Protein backbone atom coordinates (compact mmCIF):
# COMPACT_ATOMS: atom_id res chain seq x y z
CA MET A 1 0.15 -0.35 0.00
CA ALA A 2 1.12 3.58 -0.31
CA GLU A 3 3.66 5.22 1.80
CA ALA A 4 2.29 7.95 4.40
CA ALA A 5 1.50 11.35 2.66
CA GLN A 6 3.48 14.23 4.35
CA ILE A 7 0.82 16.60 5.95
CA PRO A 8 2.31 20.40 6.02
CA ASP A 9 3.28 22.02 9.31
CA GLU A 10 0.29 22.57 11.50
CA ALA A 11 1.49 26.33 11.82
CA GLU A 12 1.68 26.50 7.80
CA THR A 13 -1.59 25.12 7.28
CA ARG A 14 -3.44 26.97 10.03
CA ALA A 15 -2.00 30.38 8.54
CA ARG A 16 -3.27 29.04 4.90
CA TRP A 17 -6.37 27.68 5.79
CA GLY A 18 -7.39 28.91 9.33
CA GLY A 19 -10.24 31.39 7.67
CA PHE A 20 -11.53 28.78 5.30
CA ALA A 21 -15.11 29.38 4.50
CA TRP A 22 -17.64 28.75 1.85
CA ASN A 23 -17.66 30.97 -1.20
CA ASP A 24 -20.88 32.04 -2.84
CA ASP A 25 -21.30 29.15 -5.01
CA ASN A 26 -20.59 26.60 -2.37
CA GLN A 27 -22.65 28.60 0.26
CA LYS A 28 -25.86 27.91 -2.01
CA LYS A 29 -24.69 24.22 -2.40
CA ALA A 30 -24.19 23.82 1.21
CA ASN A 31 -27.71 25.08 2.40
CA GLU A 32 -29.01 22.83 -0.15
CA ILE A 33 -27.42 19.83 0.90
CA LEU A 34 -28.54 20.82 4.72
CA ALA A 35 -32.21 21.26 3.93
CA ARG A 36 -31.93 17.42 2.84
CA TYR A 37 -31.86 16.49 6.27
CA PRO A 38 -34.35 16.45 9.39
CA LYS A 39 -33.35 18.99 12.27
CA GLY A 40 -31.06 16.95 14.62
CA ARG A 41 -29.67 14.66 11.55
CA GLU A 42 -27.21 17.58 10.46
CA GLN A 43 -24.14 14.98 10.98
CA SER A 44 -25.53 13.11 7.83
CA ALA A 45 -24.23 16.09 5.67
CA SER A 46 -20.68 15.14 6.70
CA ILE A 47 -19.69 13.30 3.69
CA PRO A 48 -21.01 15.86 1.22
CA PHE A 49 -19.82 18.72 2.96
CA LEU A 50 -16.26 17.24 3.23
CA ASP A 51 -16.80 16.42 -0.74
CA LEU A 52 -17.48 20.17 -1.44
CA ALA A 53 -15.06 21.67 1.11
CA GLN A 54 -12.18 19.36 -0.63
CA ARG A 55 -13.41 20.41 -4.38
CA GLN A 56 -13.16 24.37 -3.05
CA VAL A 57 -9.71 23.52 -1.88
CA GLY A 58 -8.59 22.02 -5.04
CA ALA A 59 -10.26 24.84 -6.99
CA GLU A 60 -8.23 27.37 -4.86
CA THR A 61 -5.13 25.32 -5.50
CA GLN A 62 -5.33 23.97 -8.95
CA THR A 63 -5.07 20.56 -7.55
CA GLN A 64 -7.51 17.54 -6.83
CA GLY A 65 -7.76 18.82 -3.59
CA TRP A 66 -7.30 18.09 0.19
CA LEU A 67 -8.93 18.53 3.65
CA PRO A 68 -6.55 20.44 6.03
CA VAL A 69 -7.49 20.25 9.70
CA PRO A 70 -8.87 23.37 9.71
CA VAL A 71 -11.07 22.82 6.78
CA ILE A 72 -12.43 19.73 8.55
CA GLU A 73 -12.82 22.02 11.60
CA PHE A 74 -15.09 24.26 9.75
CA VAL A 75 -17.19 21.47 8.37
CA ALA A 76 -17.73 20.03 11.74
CA ARG A 77 -18.87 23.77 13.28
CA GLN A 78 -21.38 23.81 9.94
CA ILE A 79 -23.12 20.71 11.08
CA GLY A 80 -22.71 21.12 14.69
CA VAL A 81 -20.70 18.10 15.74
CA PRO A 82 -17.34 17.69 17.48
CA TYR A 83 -14.48 18.04 15.46
CA MET A 84 -13.42 14.12 15.94
CA ARG A 85 -17.10 13.01 14.47
CA VAL A 86 -16.18 14.53 11.09
CA PHE A 87 -12.23 13.59 11.06
CA GLU A 88 -13.27 9.91 11.89
CA VAL A 89 -15.35 10.02 8.52
CA ALA A 90 -12.60 11.86 6.48
CA THR A 91 -10.00 9.26 7.33
CA PHE A 92 -12.52 6.17 6.53
CA TYR A 93 -12.85 6.85 3.04
CA THR A 94 -9.89 7.03 0.49
CA MET A 95 -11.68 9.90 -1.41
CA PHE A 96 -10.75 12.01 1.01
CA ASN A 97 -6.99 13.34 1.01
CA LEU A 98 -5.69 14.30 4.34
CA ALA A 99 -2.39 15.81 2.75
CA PRO A 100 -1.92 17.88 -0.10
CA VAL A 101 -2.13 16.13 -3.88
CA GLY A 102 -1.31 16.90 -7.22
CA ARG A 103 -3.68 18.34 -9.94
CA TYR A 104 -4.37 14.52 -10.86
CA HIS A 105 -4.73 12.03 -8.29
CA VAL A 106 -3.96 8.69 -9.54
CA GLN A 107 -5.52 5.91 -7.45
CA VAL A 108 -4.64 2.47 -8.69
CA CYS A 109 -6.50 -0.61 -7.30
CA GLY A 110 -4.38 -3.35 -6.19
CA THR A 111 -6.91 -5.62 -4.86
CA THR A 112 -7.05 -9.41 -6.10
CA PRO A 113 -9.03 -9.03 -9.20
CA CYS A 114 -7.00 -6.08 -10.43
CA MET A 115 -3.53 -7.53 -9.01
CA LEU A 116 -4.50 -10.84 -11.16
CA ARG A 117 -5.39 -8.88 -14.17
CA GLY A 118 -2.20 -6.91 -14.31
CA SER A 119 -2.45 -3.76 -11.80
CA ASP A 120 1.48 -4.44 -11.36
CA ASP A 121 2.05 -3.39 -14.93
CA VAL A 122 -0.15 0.04 -14.34
CA LEU A 123 2.10 0.55 -11.17
CA ALA A 124 5.07 0.14 -13.27
CA ALA A 125 3.78 2.42 -16.02
CA CYS A 126 3.30 5.09 -13.36
CA LYS A 127 6.56 4.65 -11.71
CA ASN A 128 8.44 5.03 -15.37
CA ARG A 129 6.33 7.83 -15.61
CA GLY A 130 7.91 9.36 -12.25
CA LEU A 131 4.97 8.86 -10.18
CA VAL A 132 5.52 7.47 -6.45
CA LYS A 133 3.46 5.81 -4.20
CA GLY A 134 2.29 8.13 -1.32
CA GLY A 135 4.36 11.45 -3.61
CA THR A 136 3.41 13.93 -5.90
CA THR A 137 5.75 14.44 -8.99
CA PRO A 138 7.74 17.51 -8.93
CA ASP A 139 5.75 19.53 -11.65
CA GLY A 140 2.96 19.03 -9.21
CA LEU A 141 0.75 17.19 -11.76
CA PHE A 142 0.48 13.53 -10.35
CA THR A 143 0.01 12.04 -6.94
CA LEU A 144 -0.17 8.42 -7.12
CA THR A 145 -1.90 6.05 -4.49
CA GLU A 146 -2.26 2.55 -4.14
CA VAL A 147 -5.99 2.08 -2.68
CA GLU A 148 -8.30 -1.24 -2.31
CA CYS A 149 -11.16 -2.17 -4.36
CA LEU A 150 -13.03 0.54 -6.42
CA GLY A 151 -15.69 -1.81 -7.57
CA THR A 152 -14.83 -2.10 -11.25
CA CYS A 153 -13.54 -5.55 -11.03
CA ALA A 154 -15.30 -6.89 -14.32
CA ASN A 155 -13.04 -4.33 -16.09
CA ALA A 156 -9.74 -5.19 -14.17
CA PRO A 157 -7.30 -3.58 -13.79
CA MET A 158 -8.33 0.14 -13.57
CA VAL A 159 -7.38 3.36 -11.67
CA GLN A 160 -9.54 6.35 -10.93
CA ILE A 161 -8.09 9.73 -11.48
CA ASN A 162 -10.06 12.41 -9.78
CA ASP A 163 -13.58 11.71 -10.65
CA ASP A 164 -12.93 9.74 -13.51
CA ASN A 165 -12.36 5.68 -13.94
CA TYR A 166 -9.93 4.15 -16.75
CA GLU A 167 -10.54 0.68 -17.27
CA ASP A 168 -8.99 -2.65 -18.88
CA LEU A 169 -5.30 -1.05 -18.31
CA ASP A 170 -1.92 -2.44 -19.59
CA TYR A 171 1.44 -0.91 -19.36
CA ASP A 172 1.07 0.74 -22.80
CA ARG A 173 -2.58 2.00 -22.04
CA THR A 174 -1.70 3.52 -18.62
CA VAL A 175 0.79 5.30 -19.89
CA ALA A 176 -1.04 6.80 -22.81
CA VAL A 177 -3.58 8.17 -20.34
CA LEU A 178 -0.87 9.52 -18.45
CA GLU A 179 0.83 11.51 -21.20
CA ALA A 180 -2.73 12.83 -22.63
CA LEU A 181 -3.41 14.11 -18.96
CA ALA A 182 0.30 15.56 -19.10
CA LYS A 183 -0.61 17.13 -22.23
CA GLY A 184 -3.59 18.71 -20.77
CA GLU A 185 -6.02 16.56 -22.70
CA GLN A 186 -9.15 14.65 -21.60
CA PRO A 187 -8.49 10.66 -22.36
CA LYS A 188 -11.89 8.61 -23.01
CA THR A 189 -12.95 7.46 -19.75
CA GLY A 190 -14.17 3.92 -18.73
CA SER A 191 -12.89 0.92 -20.98
CA THR A 192 -9.81 1.79 -22.95
CA ILE A 193 -10.32 -1.37 -25.16
CA GLY A 194 -13.88 0.04 -26.34
CA ARG A 195 -15.70 -2.39 -24.18
CA GLN A 196 -19.61 -1.34 -23.48
CA THR A 197 -19.91 -0.49 -19.71
CA SER A 198 -19.06 -4.12 -18.54
CA CYS A 199 -19.79 -6.26 -21.66
CA PRO A 200 -17.54 -9.37 -22.22
CA GLU A 201 -14.57 -8.32 -24.44
CA GLY A 202 -15.60 -8.64 -27.92
CA GLY A 203 -19.33 -7.16 -27.34
CA PRO A 204 -22.32 -9.07 -25.92
CA THR A 205 -23.21 -12.66 -26.47
CA THR A 206 -26.85 -12.55 -25.26
CA LEU A 207 -29.74 -10.59 -26.31
CA THR A 208 -27.83 -9.54 -29.55
CA ALA A 209 -30.89 -9.02 -31.65
CA MET A 210 -33.68 -6.88 -31.26
CA VAL A 211 -37.20 -8.45 -30.53
CA ASP A 212 -39.96 -8.31 -33.26
CA ALA A 213 -42.55 -6.31 -31.61
CA ASN A 214 -44.83 -7.31 -34.28
CA HIS A 215 -44.34 -10.98 -33.84
CA ASP A 216 -46.71 -13.34 -31.95
CA TYR A 217 -44.48 -15.43 -29.47
CA ARG A 218 -47.68 -17.15 -27.80
CA SER A 219 -47.78 -19.98 -30.41
CA GLU A 220 -44.20 -21.00 -29.65
CA TRP A 221 -44.60 -21.07 -25.90
CA ALA A 222 -48.00 -23.33 -26.23
């Protein structure tokens, strides 16, 4: 798994993020999110508020975003719960970053299905592009993390980069995705071999023909 990412000095972090507050657009979104939950159930907004806060930090830093401690404290105050209740959520889900990341957060699944289908080749492609687990490239573009199952086992191996999945990878296809991102391009998301969602490789094998709406099948079932 990934080496521990380096969290900046606390004094530096508080100097930069101690005054964090929603921007105008996110204040409206926060109000809409909070309105979904009954009075007394504001803690249910922990995940969407943390996601919203991480995205605001990302927009301000031109990265995928992370959650400095003062930002987590802000979220806790917003929903009226102790800081630790929100910190528990932030540390449980790998979707939340507790240390700064690059513009593209490359999360490589290393769980058994992806490992058996070649996740080591995906990691090798990342390594040869200069990515190091738990670190960010000197140009600030990429942060590499190895994570547990991301739920796309049928199209293994796969990576999640920010909000997008790239599936059916091998060494060369992984390199192609990283190079496109480095050039400022947007690679096609999903399967990199043209597979439709999670259909078998080569295309569907069942229900390949449309049913004739005018055909009376009842006689065939008699």
